[in-house]
Amino acid sequence: MCCALIGCAARGGATSDRATGGADLSRPLAGARGSFVGLELTTWVASDPAIGQNSAVPESVLSAYASRALPFPQEMVKAWRMCGVGVVSVPASDVARVRERMTVSSAVQALQVPLSPRWLTGVTGARVDSPQLVGLDSGPLRMERGEARLLVRAWASPGEAESRPIDRSGKGNNALRALVQVQVAPQIVTDGPASTPTRRTPAELLSGSPGLAMDAEAGQVLTRLTLDAACDGSEAYIFYPLFGTAKEADRTTNTTPSTDTKADSPAAMPMKRAMGPETPEPLTLGEVMLSDALALRPRRERTILVVLPRPPAEYRLIE
C-alpha cells in the first residue's frame, strides 16, 4: 500500500488556485504554541487486531469521537462519507492516545508543511492498474490507470479581535486572533500526457524550484468536494476509510453522476443495472485512496491521516 504524507469554522466554496490569506506565505512565522506555523501531518497504517492483542479495531477507536462537532457543513461531511471517507474531530492532546489503541502496522510518518496557497499532495493511494469504477457520493466514476490523492493547502486568516492594552503611543493594538484556513480536496491522476508521474515531496514544491508544477496540475481535482475551514489549532482532524456496514449506511440509491462533469472528469458514469446477477458495488474513493482494497489479498489495512493546523501567534492588520 503506497501513501505519502500530507479543524475549523466552515466557509463556503473553494477559492482559486492563487488564493492567499493576507500574510507572507513564503517564510516561517512564530506560532501560538511553538515556532512552527502551518500543518502538522501524520499518517500510519492500522490493521485489525490479532486474537489476544490489546488493541481495538480502528473504527471502534474513532467512533468514540463521532459525536464531537465538526466545523464543516453536515452535507459536506455526508458527501465525504458517501465517498468512503470518514472524518472525526479529536482534541490535539488525544492523537497519541488514539494511535496507541490501534494495531499500527507501519512506521508513523510525520511532516510539517508551511503555509502555502499551492495545492500539495497529502496522501497518495495505491496504483490502479486497469480501468474500474470508483464510488462517489454522486455515483460511480470511471477511473483509468493511475491513482487517487488527497490534496491540501493552507494560509493564515483573521479571527476575532483580541483585547490588548494600549501601547506607549496611546494607540490600541490592532492584532487579531490568527487562524489557519485549510482546504482538502480529492484528486484523480491518470496516465497520459496531462499527468505528471514524477513524485515530488511537499518540501520540493515549496522550494519553488524551476519546472516543478503545482500538484493540482497533475490530474483532475474534484473541486465540488473541497473541505474548507478556518482552524484554531485546538483540534486535529482524522481522515480514514469506511468499510462494510459503515460504508453502506451512508450510500444512497442515487446513481446519477455529478453535474460538475468538467471538474470531476475523467468520465463520470452512471451504474446501469442489467438482467442477471446483481453487479457488486464498486470500491469507494476512500477504499481506493486510504486502504489496501486493491491488493490481491487485502488485509483491511487503513491509512490514517491526521491534519493538525498550527496558527501564527497573531494576525496583524497593516495600518
C-alpha atoms as a PDB file:
ATOM      1  CA  MET A   1       0.000   0.000   0.000  1.00  0.00           C
ATOM      2  CA  CYS A   2       1.522   3.306  -1.048  1.00  0.00           C
ATOM      3  CA  CYS A   3       0.948   6.528   0.850  1.00  0.00           C
ATOM      4  CA  ALA A   4       2.576   9.915   1.143  1.00  0.00           C
ATOM      5  CA  LEU A   5       2.151  12.497   3.841  1.00  0.00           C
ATOM      6  CA  ILE A   6       0.163  15.410   3.977  1.00  0.00           C
ATOM      7  CA  GLY A   7     -10.453  21.622  12.362  1.00  0.00           C
ATOM      8  CA  CYS A   8     -12.197  24.740  11.941  1.00  0.00           C
ATOM      9  CA  ALA A   9     -15.167  27.305  11.116  1.00  0.00           C
ATOM     10  CA  ALA A  10     -16.629  26.408   7.760  1.00  0.00           C
ATOM     11  CA  ARG A  11     -16.573  28.688   4.768  1.00  0.00           C
ATOM     12  CA  GLY A  12     -18.493  28.219   1.581  1.00  0.00           C
ATOM     13  CA  GLY A  13     -16.858  27.339  -1.702  1.00  0.00           C
ATOM     14  CA  ALA A  14     -13.290  26.806  -2.725  1.00  0.00           C
ATOM     15  CA  THR A  15     -11.123  29.735  -3.703  1.00  0.00           C
ATOM     16  CA  SER A  16      -8.951  29.916  -6.796  1.00  0.00           C
ATOM     17  CA  ASP A  17      -5.572  28.182  -7.010  1.00  0.00           C
ATOM     18  CA  ARG A  18      -3.915  31.530  -6.363  1.00  0.00           C
ATOM     19  CA  ALA A  19      -5.811  32.285  -3.151  1.00  0.00           C
ATOM     20  CA  THR A  20      -3.830  33.989  -0.421  1.00  0.00           C
ATOM     21  CA  GLY A  21      -4.567  34.774   3.188  1.00  0.00           C
ATOM     22  CA  GLY A  22      -3.026  38.218   3.525  1.00  0.00           C
ATOM     23  CA  ALA A  23       0.165  37.038   5.243  1.00  0.00           C
ATOM     24  CA  ASP A  24       3.675  36.409   3.940  1.00  0.00           C
ATOM     25  CA  LEU A  25       3.359  32.765   2.919  1.00  0.00           C
ATOM     26  CA  SER A  26       6.975  32.321   1.859  1.00  0.00           C
ATOM     27  CA  ARG A  27       8.632  32.292   5.280  1.00  0.00           C
ATOM     28  CA  PRO A  28       8.043  30.544   8.636  1.00  0.00           C
ATOM     29  CA  LEU A  29       6.094  32.505  11.233  1.00  0.00           C
ATOM     30  CA  ALA A  30       6.136  32.380  15.028  1.00  0.00           C
ATOM     31  CA  GLY A  31       3.318  30.115  16.187  1.00  0.00           C
ATOM     32  CA  ALA A  32       0.930  30.393  19.091  1.00  0.00           C
ATOM     33  CA  ARG A  33       2.039  27.020  20.513  1.00  0.00           C
ATOM     34  CA  GLY A  34       5.600  26.826  19.232  1.00  0.00           C
ATOM     35  CA  SER A  35       7.904  28.029  16.483  1.00  0.00           C
ATOM     36  CA  PHE A  36       6.189  26.187  13.609  1.00  0.00           C
ATOM     37  CA  VAL A  37       3.226  27.607  11.677  1.00  0.00           C
ATOM     38  CA  GLY A  38       1.373  25.541   9.087  1.00  0.00           C
ATOM     39  CA  LEU A  39       0.029  21.987   9.041  1.00  0.00           C
ATOM     40  CA  GLU A  40       1.390  19.058  11.023  1.00  0.00           C
ATOM     41  CA  LEU A  41       0.544  15.933   9.036  1.00  0.00           C
ATOM     42  CA  THR A  42       0.809  12.453  10.497  1.00  0.00           C
ATOM     43  CA  THR A  43      -0.011   9.102   8.893  1.00  0.00           C
ATOM     44  CA  TRP A  44       0.152   5.486   9.949  1.00  0.00           C
ATOM     45  CA  VAL A  45      -1.296   2.207   8.697  1.00  0.00           C
ATOM     46  CA  ALA A  46      -3.729   0.472  11.067  1.00  0.00           C
ATOM     47  CA  SER A  47      -4.883  -3.158  10.821  1.00  0.00           C
ATOM     48  CA  ASP A  48      -7.482  -5.342  12.502  1.00  0.00           C
ATOM     49  CA  PRO A  49      -6.038  -6.605  15.806  1.00  0.00           C
ATOM     50  CA  ALA A  50      -4.964 -10.238  16.027  1.00  0.00           C
ATOM     51  CA  ILE A  51      -6.557 -12.530  18.593  1.00  0.00           C
ATOM     52  CA  GLY A  52      -5.118 -11.695  22.007  1.00  0.00           C
ATOM     53  CA  GLN A  53      -3.831  -8.269  21.053  1.00  0.00           C
ATOM     54  CA  ASN A  54      -4.637  -5.483  23.481  1.00  0.00           C
ATOM     55  CA  SER A  55      -5.881  -3.102  20.796  1.00  0.00           C
ATOM     56  CA  ALA A  56      -9.148  -2.267  19.041  1.00  0.00           C
ATOM     57  CA  VAL A  57     -10.499  -2.110  15.502  1.00  0.00           C
ATOM     58  CA  PRO A  58      -9.665   1.397  14.194  1.00  0.00           C
ATOM     59  CA  GLU A  59     -13.316   2.254  13.508  1.00  0.00           C
ATOM     60  CA  SER A  60     -14.287   1.496  17.105  1.00  0.00           C
ATOM     61  CA  VAL A  61     -11.483   3.713  18.399  1.00  0.00           C
ATOM     62  CA  LEU A  62     -12.580   6.626  16.214  1.00  0.00           C
ATOM     63  CA  SER A  63     -16.284   6.079  16.929  1.00  0.00           C
ATOM     64  CA  ALA A  64     -15.677   7.433  20.434  1.00  0.00           C
ATOM     65  CA  TYR A  65     -15.280  10.855  18.807  1.00  0.00           C
ATOM     66  CA  ALA A  66     -18.158  10.562  16.318  1.00  0.00           C
ATOM     67  CA  SER A  67     -20.457  12.754  18.424  1.00  0.00           C
ATOM     68  CA  ARG A  68     -17.986  15.630  18.559  1.00  0.00           C
ATOM     69  CA  ALA A  69     -18.947  18.579  16.372  1.00  0.00           C
ATOM     70  CA  LEU A  70     -17.104  19.040  13.091  1.00  0.00           C
ATOM     71  CA  PRO A  71     -16.656  22.555  11.707  1.00  0.00           C
ATOM     72  CA  PHE A  72     -17.525  21.507   8.171  1.00  0.00           C
ATOM     73  CA  PRO A  73     -21.121  21.662   6.886  1.00  0.00           C
ATOM     74  CA  GLN A  74     -23.089  18.483   7.577  1.00  0.00           C
ATOM     75  CA  GLU A  75     -23.845  17.989   3.883  1.00  0.00           C
ATOM     76  CA  MET A  76     -20.112  18.059   3.041  1.00  0.00           C
ATOM     77  CA  VAL A  77     -19.276  15.552   5.788  1.00  0.00           C
ATOM     78  CA  LYS A  78     -22.051  13.289   4.498  1.00  0.00           C
ATOM     79  CA  ALA A  79     -20.778  13.596   0.915  1.00  0.00           C
ATOM     80  CA  TRP A  80     -17.295  12.521   2.017  1.00  0.00           C
ATOM     81  CA  ARG A  81     -18.752   9.560   3.929  1.00  0.00           C
ATOM     82  CA  MET A  82     -20.679   8.530   0.828  1.00  0.00           C
ATOM     83  CA  CYS A  83     -17.327   8.624  -0.987  1.00  0.00           C
ATOM     84  CA  GLY A  84     -16.000   6.199   1.638  1.00  0.00           C
ATOM     85  CA  VAL A  85     -14.016   8.705   3.730  1.00  0.00           C
ATOM     86  CA  GLY A  86     -14.812   9.330   7.394  1.00  0.00           C
ATOM     87  CA  VAL A  87     -13.679  12.457   9.251  1.00  0.00           C
ATOM     88  CA  VAL A  88     -13.660  12.977  13.025  1.00  0.00           C
ATOM     89  CA  SER A  89     -12.544  15.831  15.252  1.00  0.00           C
ATOM     90  CA  VAL A  90     -10.172  14.854  18.056  1.00  0.00           C
ATOM     91  CA  PRO A  91      -8.553  17.083  20.711  1.00  0.00           C
ATOM     92  CA  ALA A  92      -4.928  17.600  19.725  1.00  0.00           C
ATOM     93  CA  SER A  93      -3.826  16.101  23.042  1.00  0.00           C
ATOM     94  CA  ASP A  94      -5.686  12.832  22.265  1.00  0.00           C
ATOM     95  CA  VAL A  95      -3.947  11.953  18.987  1.00  0.00           C
ATOM     96  CA  ALA A  96      -1.190   9.862  20.587  1.00  0.00           C
ATOM     97  CA  ARG A  97      -3.779   8.007  22.688  1.00  0.00           C
ATOM     98  CA  VAL A  98      -5.839   7.241  19.581  1.00  0.00           C
ATOM     99  CA  ARG A  99      -2.808   5.778  17.835  1.00  0.00           C
ATOM    100  CA  GLU A 100      -1.816   3.686  20.872  1.00  0.00           C
ATOM    101  CA  ARG A 101      -5.227   1.996  20.910  1.00  0.00           C
ATOM    102  CA  MET A 102      -4.843   0.773  17.314  1.00  0.00           C
ATOM    103  CA  THR A 103      -2.757  -2.015  15.812  1.00  0.00           C
ATOM    104  CA  VAL A 104      -0.200   0.025  13.884  1.00  0.00           C
ATOM    105  CA  SER A 105       1.465  -1.984  11.108  1.00  0.00           C
ATOM    106  CA  SER A 106       3.791   0.674   9.681  1.00  0.00           C
ATOM    107  CA  ALA A 107       6.178   3.369  10.772  1.00  0.00           C
ATOM    108  CA  VAL A 108       4.471   6.576  11.892  1.00  0.00           C
ATOM    109  CA  GLN A 109       5.275   9.321   9.387  1.00  0.00           C
ATOM    110  CA  ALA A 110       5.130  12.977  10.386  1.00  0.00           C
ATOM    111  CA  LEU A 111       5.643  16.075   8.268  1.00  0.00           C
ATOM    112  CA  GLN A 112       5.435  19.814   8.868  1.00  0.00           C
ATOM    113  CA  VAL A 113       4.061  21.712   5.862  1.00  0.00           C
ATOM    114  CA  PRO A 114       4.475  25.527   5.961  1.00  0.00           C
ATOM    115  CA  LEU A 115       1.640  27.784   4.872  1.00  0.00           C
ATOM    116  CA  SER A 116       1.249  27.935   1.100  1.00  0.00           C
ATOM    117  CA  PRO A 117      -1.649  28.717  -1.266  1.00  0.00           C
ATOM    118  CA  ARG A 118      -0.465  25.958  -3.611  1.00  0.00           C
ATOM    119  CA  TRP A 119      -2.027  22.506  -3.590  1.00  0.00           C
ATOM    120  CA  LEU A 120       0.272  19.787  -2.235  1.00  0.00           C
ATOM    121  CA  THR A 121      -0.191  16.026  -2.150  1.00  0.00           C
ATOM    122  CA  GLY A 122      -1.181  14.823   1.312  1.00  0.00           C
ATOM    123  CA  VAL A 123      -1.919  11.147   0.652  1.00  0.00           C
ATOM    124  CA  THR A 124      -1.367   9.045  -2.470  1.00  0.00           C
ATOM    125  CA  GLY A 125      -3.420   5.867  -2.754  1.00  0.00           C
ATOM    126  CA  ALA A 126      -2.447   2.530  -4.252  1.00  0.00           C
ATOM    127  CA  ARG A 127      -1.992   2.441  -8.003  1.00  0.00           C
ATOM    128  CA  VAL A 128      -4.951   1.436 -10.193  1.00  0.00           C
ATOM    129  CA  ASP A 129      -3.516  -0.753 -12.972  1.00  0.00           C
ATOM    130  CA  SER A 130      -6.685  -1.207 -15.036  1.00  0.00           C
ATOM    131  CA  PRO A 131      -9.841   0.881 -15.603  1.00  0.00           C
ATOM    132  CA  GLN A 132     -12.510   0.458 -12.954  1.00  0.00           C
ATOM    133  CA  LEU A 133     -15.452   2.233 -11.381  1.00  0.00           C
ATOM    134  CA  VAL A 134     -14.882   4.177  -8.168  1.00  0.00           C
ATOM    135  CA  GLY A 135     -17.843   5.051  -5.952  1.00  0.00           C
ATOM    136  CA  LEU A 136     -18.534   8.726  -5.212  1.00  0.00           C
ATOM    137  CA  ASP A 137     -21.481  10.378  -3.472  1.00  0.00           C
ATOM    138  CA  SER A 138     -22.903  11.269  -6.915  1.00  0.00           C
ATOM    139  CA  GLY A 139     -22.482   7.820  -8.423  1.00  0.00           C
ATOM    140  CA  PRO A 140     -19.692   5.677  -9.927  1.00  0.00           C
ATOM    141  CA  LEU A 141     -16.753   7.391 -11.630  1.00  0.00           C
ATOM    142  CA  ARG A 142     -14.746   5.561 -14.294  1.00  0.00           C
ATOM    143  CA  MET A 143     -11.098   5.739 -13.288  1.00  0.00           C
ATOM    144  CA  GLU A 144      -8.384   4.839 -15.781  1.00  0.00           C
ATOM    145  CA  ARG A 145      -4.874   3.661 -14.890  1.00  0.00           C
ATOM    146  CA  GLY A 146      -3.460   5.970 -12.234  1.00  0.00           C
ATOM    147  CA  GLU A 147      -4.023   6.846  -8.590  1.00  0.00           C
ATOM    148  CA  ALA A 148      -6.235   8.847  -6.233  1.00  0.00           C
ATOM    149  CA  ARG A 149      -4.792  11.521  -3.974  1.00  0.00           C
ATOM    150  CA  LEU A 150      -5.805  13.900  -1.217  1.00  0.00           C
ATOM    151  CA  LEU A 151      -4.546  17.433  -1.817  1.00  0.00           C
ATOM    152  CA  VAL A 152      -4.140  20.042   0.900  1.00  0.00           C
ATOM    153  CA  ARG A 153      -3.268  23.725   1.184  1.00  0.00           C
ATOM    154  CA  ALA A 154      -3.443  26.328   3.963  1.00  0.00           C
ATOM    155  CA  TRP A 155      -2.845  30.002   4.719  1.00  0.00           C
ATOM    156  CA  ALA A 156      -3.271  32.410   7.634  1.00  0.00           C
ATOM    157  CA  SER A 157      -6.670  34.051   8.143  1.00  0.00           C
ATOM    158  CA  PRO A 158      -8.010  36.534  10.717  1.00  0.00           C
ATOM    159  CA  GLY A 159     -10.200  35.549  13.645  1.00  0.00           C
ATOM    160  CA  GLU A 160     -11.829  37.651  16.342  1.00  0.00           C
ATOM    161  CA  ALA A 161     -10.184  40.787  17.718  1.00  0.00           C
ATOM    162  CA  GLU A 162      -8.187  40.196  20.878  1.00  0.00           C
ATOM    163  CA  SER A 163      -8.276  42.522  23.878  1.00  0.00           C
ATOM    164  CA  ARG A 164      -4.855  44.149  24.183  1.00  0.00           C
ATOM    165  CA  PRO A 165      -3.617  47.023  26.423  1.00  0.00           C
ATOM    166  CA  ILE A 166      -2.953  50.432  24.894  1.00  0.00           C
ATOM    167  CA  ASP A 167       0.701  50.841  23.956  1.00  0.00           C
ATOM    168  CA  ARG A 168       3.016  53.748  24.836  1.00  0.00           C
ATOM    169  CA  SER A 169       1.926  55.759  21.826  1.00  0.00           C
ATOM    170  CA  GLY A 170      -1.631  55.754  23.144  1.00  0.00           C
ATOM    171  CA  LYS A 171      -2.875  53.501  20.340  1.00  0.00           C
ATOM    172  CA  GLY A 172      -4.627  50.218  20.850  1.00  0.00           C
ATOM    173  CA  ASN A 173      -3.131  47.037  19.447  1.00  0.00           C
ATOM    174  CA  ASN A 174      -4.798  46.105  16.158  1.00  0.00           C
ATOM    175  CA  ALA A 175      -3.812  42.410  16.364  1.00  0.00           C
ATOM    176  CA  LEU A 176      -6.474  39.808  15.607  1.00  0.00           C
ATOM    177  CA  ARG A 177      -6.573  36.214  16.683  1.00  0.00           C
ATOM    178  CA  ALA A 178      -4.905  34.144  13.953  1.00  0.00           C
ATOM    179  CA  LEU A 179      -6.438  31.052  12.345  1.00  0.00           C
ATOM    180  CA  VAL A 180      -5.268  28.659   9.652  1.00  0.00           C
ATOM    181  CA  GLN A 181      -7.516  28.401   6.595  1.00  0.00           C
ATOM    182  CA  VAL A 182      -7.351  24.764   5.491  1.00  0.00           C
ATOM    183  CA  GLN A 183      -8.598  23.219   2.263  1.00  0.00           C
ATOM    184  CA  VAL A 184      -8.628  19.492   1.455  1.00  0.00           C
ATOM    185  CA  ALA A 185      -9.794  18.027  -1.864  1.00  0.00           C
ATOM    186  CA  PRO A 186      -9.603  14.656  -3.676  1.00  0.00           C
ATOM    187  CA  GLN A 187      -7.781  14.310  -6.975  1.00  0.00           C
ATOM    188  CA  ILE A 188      -7.748  11.644  -9.692  1.00  0.00           C
ATOM    189  CA  VAL A 189      -4.414  11.317 -11.518  1.00  0.00           C
ATOM    190  CA  THR A 190      -4.371   9.161 -14.658  1.00  0.00           C
ATOM    191  CA  ASP A 191      -1.586   8.092 -17.001  1.00  0.00           C
ATOM    192  CA  GLY A 192      -1.190  10.203 -20.113  1.00  0.00           C
ATOM    193  CA  PRO A 193       0.331  13.421 -21.445  1.00  0.00           C
ATOM    194  CA  ALA A 194      -1.521  15.522 -18.858  1.00  0.00           C
ATOM    195  CA  SER A 195      -0.205  13.504 -15.938  1.00  0.00           C
ATOM    196  CA  THR A 196       2.993  14.153 -14.018  1.00  0.00           C
ATOM    197  CA  PRO A 197       4.226  10.720 -12.912  1.00  0.00           C
ATOM    198  CA  THR A 198       7.334  12.029 -11.139  1.00  0.00           C
ATOM    199  CA  ARG A 199       6.761  12.050  -7.373  1.00  0.00           C
ATOM    200  CA  ARG A 200       7.535  15.372  -5.705  1.00  0.00           C
ATOM    201  CA  THR A 201       7.699  15.944  -1.973  1.00  0.00           C
ATOM    202  CA  PRO A 202       5.975  18.937  -0.327  1.00  0.00           C
ATOM    203  CA  ALA A 203       9.434  20.305   0.505  1.00  0.00           C
ATOM    204  CA  GLU A 204      10.386  20.255  -3.187  1.00  0.00           C
ATOM    205  CA  LEU A 205       7.197  22.030  -4.190  1.00  0.00           C
ATOM    206  CA  LEU A 206       7.614  24.714  -1.535  1.00  0.00           C
ATOM    207  CA  SER A 207      11.183  25.377  -2.638  1.00  0.00           C
ATOM    208  CA  GLY A 208       9.900  26.974  -5.849  1.00  0.00           C
ATOM    209  CA  SER A 209      12.442  25.105  -7.960  1.00  0.00           C
ATOM    210  CA  PRO A 210      12.055  25.722 -11.726  1.00  0.00           C
ATOM    211  CA  GLY A 211       9.991  23.142 -13.560  1.00  0.00           C
ATOM    212  CA  LEU A 212       8.018  21.999 -10.505  1.00  0.00           C
ATOM    213  CA  ALA A 213       4.285  22.427 -11.136  1.00  0.00           C
ATOM    214  CA  MET A 214       1.542  22.545  -8.544  1.00  0.00           C
ATOM    215  CA  ASP A 215       0.223  19.081  -7.743  1.00  0.00           C
ATOM    216  CA  ALA A 216      -3.193  20.330  -8.903  1.00  0.00           C
ATOM    217  CA  GLU A 217      -1.820  20.323 -12.455  1.00  0.00           C
ATOM    218  CA  ALA A 218      -1.051  16.586 -12.362  1.00  0.00           C
ATOM    219  CA  GLY A 219      -4.690  15.490 -12.587  1.00  0.00           C
ATOM    220  CA  GLN A 220      -8.356  16.340 -12.111  1.00  0.00           C
ATOM    221  CA  VAL A 221      -9.231  17.933  -8.745  1.00  0.00           C
ATOM    222  CA  LEU A 222     -12.785  17.126  -7.560  1.00  0.00           C
ATOM    223  CA  THR A 223     -13.380  20.732  -6.580  1.00  0.00           C
ATOM    224  CA  ARG A 224     -17.015  20.334  -5.540  1.00  0.00           C
ATOM    225  CA  LEU A 225     -15.816  18.077  -2.680  1.00  0.00           C
ATOM    226  CA  THR A 226     -13.379  20.653  -1.278  1.00  0.00           C
ATOM    227  CA  LEU A 227     -13.461  20.880   2.509  1.00  0.00           C
ATOM    228  CA  ASP A 228     -12.760  24.470   3.549  1.00  0.00           C
ATOM    229  CA  ALA A 229     -12.493  25.746   7.127  1.00  0.00           C
ATOM    230  CA  ALA A 230     -10.682  28.200   9.404  1.00  0.00           C
ATOM    231  CA  CYS A 231      -8.941  26.346  12.237  1.00  0.00           C
ATOM    232  CA  ASP A 232      -7.655  27.489  15.627  1.00  0.00           C
ATOM    233  CA  GLY A 233      -5.324  24.533  16.241  1.00  0.00           C
ATOM    234  CA  SER A 234      -7.098  23.102  19.294  1.00  0.00           C
ATOM    235  CA  GLU A 235      -8.453  20.133  17.313  1.00  0.00           C
ATOM    236  CA  ALA A 236      -6.886  17.586  14.991  1.00  0.00           C
ATOM    237  CA  TYR A 237      -8.890  16.141  12.086  1.00  0.00           C
ATOM    238  CA  ILE A 238      -8.556  12.443  11.342  1.00  0.00           C
ATOM    239  CA  PHE A 239      -9.393  11.040   7.893  1.00  0.00           C
ATOM    240  CA  TYR A 240      -9.918   7.274   7.477  1.00  0.00           C
ATOM    241  CA  PRO A 241     -11.559   4.826   5.020  1.00  0.00           C
ATOM    242  CA  LEU A 242     -15.005   3.369   5.635  1.00  0.00           C
ATOM    243  CA  PHE A 243     -15.626  -0.353   5.205  1.00  0.00           C
ATOM    244  CA  GLY A 244     -18.641  -2.647   5.210  1.00  0.00           C
ATOM    245  CA  THR A 245     -21.683  -1.544   7.196  1.00  0.00           C
ATOM    246  CA  ALA A 246     -20.224   1.891   7.901  1.00  0.00           C
ATOM    247  CA  LYS A 247     -19.883   2.478   4.167  1.00  0.00           C
ATOM    248  CA  GLU A 248     -23.254   1.026   3.220  1.00  0.00           C
ATOM    249  CA  ALA A 249     -25.080   3.095   5.857  1.00  0.00           C
ATOM    250  CA  ASP A 250     -24.031   6.258   4.066  1.00  0.00           C
ATOM    251  CA  ARG A 251     -24.519   5.191   0.453  1.00  0.00           C
ATOM    252  CA  THR A 252     -27.702   6.201  -1.335  1.00  0.00           C
ATOM    253  CA  THR A 253     -29.528   4.766  -4.308  1.00  0.00           C
ATOM    254  CA  ASN A 254     -28.548   7.806  -6.369  1.00  0.00           C
ATOM    255  CA  THR A 255     -26.509   6.631  -9.348  1.00  0.00           C
ATOM    256  CA  THR A 256     -26.581   9.883 -11.308  1.00  0.00           C
ATOM    257  CA  PRO A 257     -23.061  11.188 -11.941  1.00  0.00           C
ATOM    258  CA  SER A 258     -22.043  14.611 -10.700  1.00  0.00           C
ATOM    259  CA  THR A 259     -23.322  17.548 -12.741  1.00  0.00           C
ATOM    260  CA  ASP A 260     -19.863  19.060 -12.274  1.00  0.00           C
ATOM    261  CA  THR A 261     -18.528  16.870 -15.082  1.00  0.00           C
ATOM    262  CA  LYS A 262     -15.930  19.392 -16.168  1.00  0.00           C
ATOM    263  CA  ALA A 263     -14.264  19.415 -12.749  1.00  0.00           C
ATOM    264  CA  ASP A 264     -14.876  15.756 -11.987  1.00  0.00           C
ATOM    265  CA  SER A 265     -13.602  14.255 -15.247  1.00  0.00           C
ATOM    266  CA  PRO A 266     -12.299  11.685 -16.155  1.00  0.00           C
ATOM    267  CA  ALA A 267     -15.624  10.323 -17.359  1.00  0.00           C
ATOM    268  CA  ALA A 268     -18.329  10.009 -14.726  1.00  0.00           C
ATOM    269  CA  MET A 269     -20.580   7.058 -15.488  1.00  0.00           C
ATOM    270  CA  PRO A 270     -23.925   6.055 -14.024  1.00  0.00           C
ATOM    271  CA  MET A 271     -24.191   2.448 -12.855  1.00  0.00           C
ATOM    272  CA  LYS A 272     -26.533   0.557 -15.168  1.00  0.00           C
ATOM    273  CA  ARG A 273     -28.487  -2.375 -13.803  1.00  0.00           C
ATOM    274  CA  ALA A 274     -28.813  -5.212 -16.291  1.00  0.00           C
ATOM    275  CA  MET A 275     -30.656  -8.510 -16.294  1.00  0.00           C
ATOM    276  CA  GLY A 276     -28.909 -11.315 -14.480  1.00  0.00           C
ATOM    277  CA  PRO A 277     -26.837 -11.462 -11.275  1.00  0.00           C
ATOM    278  CA  GLU A 278     -26.572  -8.236  -9.321  1.00  0.00           C
ATOM    279  CA  THR A 279     -23.379  -6.293 -10.007  1.00  0.00           C
ATOM    280  CA  PRO A 280     -21.261  -5.776  -6.879  1.00  0.00           C
ATOM    281  CA  GLU A 281     -20.855  -2.229  -5.654  1.00  0.00           C
ATOM    282  CA  PRO A 282     -17.606  -0.588  -6.826  1.00  0.00           C
ATOM    283  CA  LEU A 283     -14.922   0.269  -4.332  1.00  0.00           C
ATOM    284  CA  THR A 284     -15.347   3.765  -2.963  1.00  0.00           C
ATOM    285  CA  LEU A 285     -12.855   6.580  -3.398  1.00  0.00           C
ATOM    286  CA  GLY A 286     -11.927   6.168   0.265  1.00  0.00           C
ATOM    287  CA  GLU A 287     -11.179   2.461  -0.140  1.00  0.00           C
ATOM    288  CA  VAL A 288      -9.035   3.108  -3.232  1.00  0.00           C
ATOM    289  CA  MET A 289      -7.176   6.032  -1.662  1.00  0.00           C
ATOM    290  CA  LEU A 290      -6.869   5.055   2.006  1.00  0.00           C
ATOM    291  CA  SER A 291      -6.855   1.243   2.147  1.00  0.00           C
ATOM    292  CA  ASP A 292      -5.337  -1.896   0.621  1.00  0.00           C
ATOM    293  CA  ALA A 293      -8.638  -2.874  -1.048  1.00  0.00           C
ATOM    294  CA  LEU A 294      -6.923  -3.076  -4.465  1.00  0.00           C
ATOM    295  CA  ALA A 295      -4.399  -5.666  -3.262  1.00  0.00           C
ATOM    296  CA  LEU A 296      -4.634  -9.299  -4.438  1.00  0.00           C
ATOM    297  CA  ARG A 297      -5.165 -10.364  -0.830  1.00  0.00           C
ATOM    298  CA  PRO A 298      -6.478  -7.304   1.025  1.00  0.00           C
ATOM    299  CA  ARG A 299      -5.959  -7.338   4.799  1.00  0.00           C
ATOM    300  CA  ARG A 300      -8.227  -4.378   5.630  1.00  0.00           C
ATOM    301  CA  GLU A 301      -5.256  -2.121   6.251  1.00  0.00           C
ATOM    302  CA  ARG A 302      -6.180   1.535   6.534  1.00  0.00           C
ATOM    303  CA  THR A 303      -4.123   4.666   6.106  1.00  0.00           C
ATOM    304  CA  ILE A 304      -4.986   7.010   8.976  1.00  0.00           C
ATOM    305  CA  LEU A 305      -4.322  10.674   8.203  1.00  0.00           C
ATOM    306  CA  VAL A 306      -4.135  13.316  10.951  1.00  0.00           C
ATOM    307  CA  VAL A 307      -4.229  17.008   9.999  1.00  0.00           C
ATOM    308  CA  LEU A 308      -3.296  19.390  12.825  1.00  0.00           C
ATOM    309  CA  PRO A 309      -3.276  23.142  11.999  1.00  0.00           C
ATOM    310  CA  ARG A 310      -0.713  25.349  13.774  1.00  0.00           C
ATOM    311  CA  PRO A 311      -1.750  29.038  13.577  1.00  0.00           C
ATOM    312  CA  PRO A 312       0.506  32.101  13.947  1.00  0.00           C
ATOM    313  CA  ALA A 313       0.610  33.798  17.353  1.00  0.00           C
ATOM    314  CA  GLU A 314      -1.479  36.647  15.963  1.00  0.00           C
ATOM    315  CA  TYR A 315      -2.808  38.147  12.758  1.00  0.00           C
ATOM    316  CA  ARG A 316      -1.845  41.800  12.319  1.00  0.00           C
ATOM    317  CA  LEU A 317      -3.588  44.230  10.032  1.00  0.00           C
ATOM    318  CA  ILE A 318      -1.364  46.684   8.204  1.00  0.00           C
ATOM    319  CA  GLU A 319      -2.116  50.269   9.185  1.00  0.00           C
END
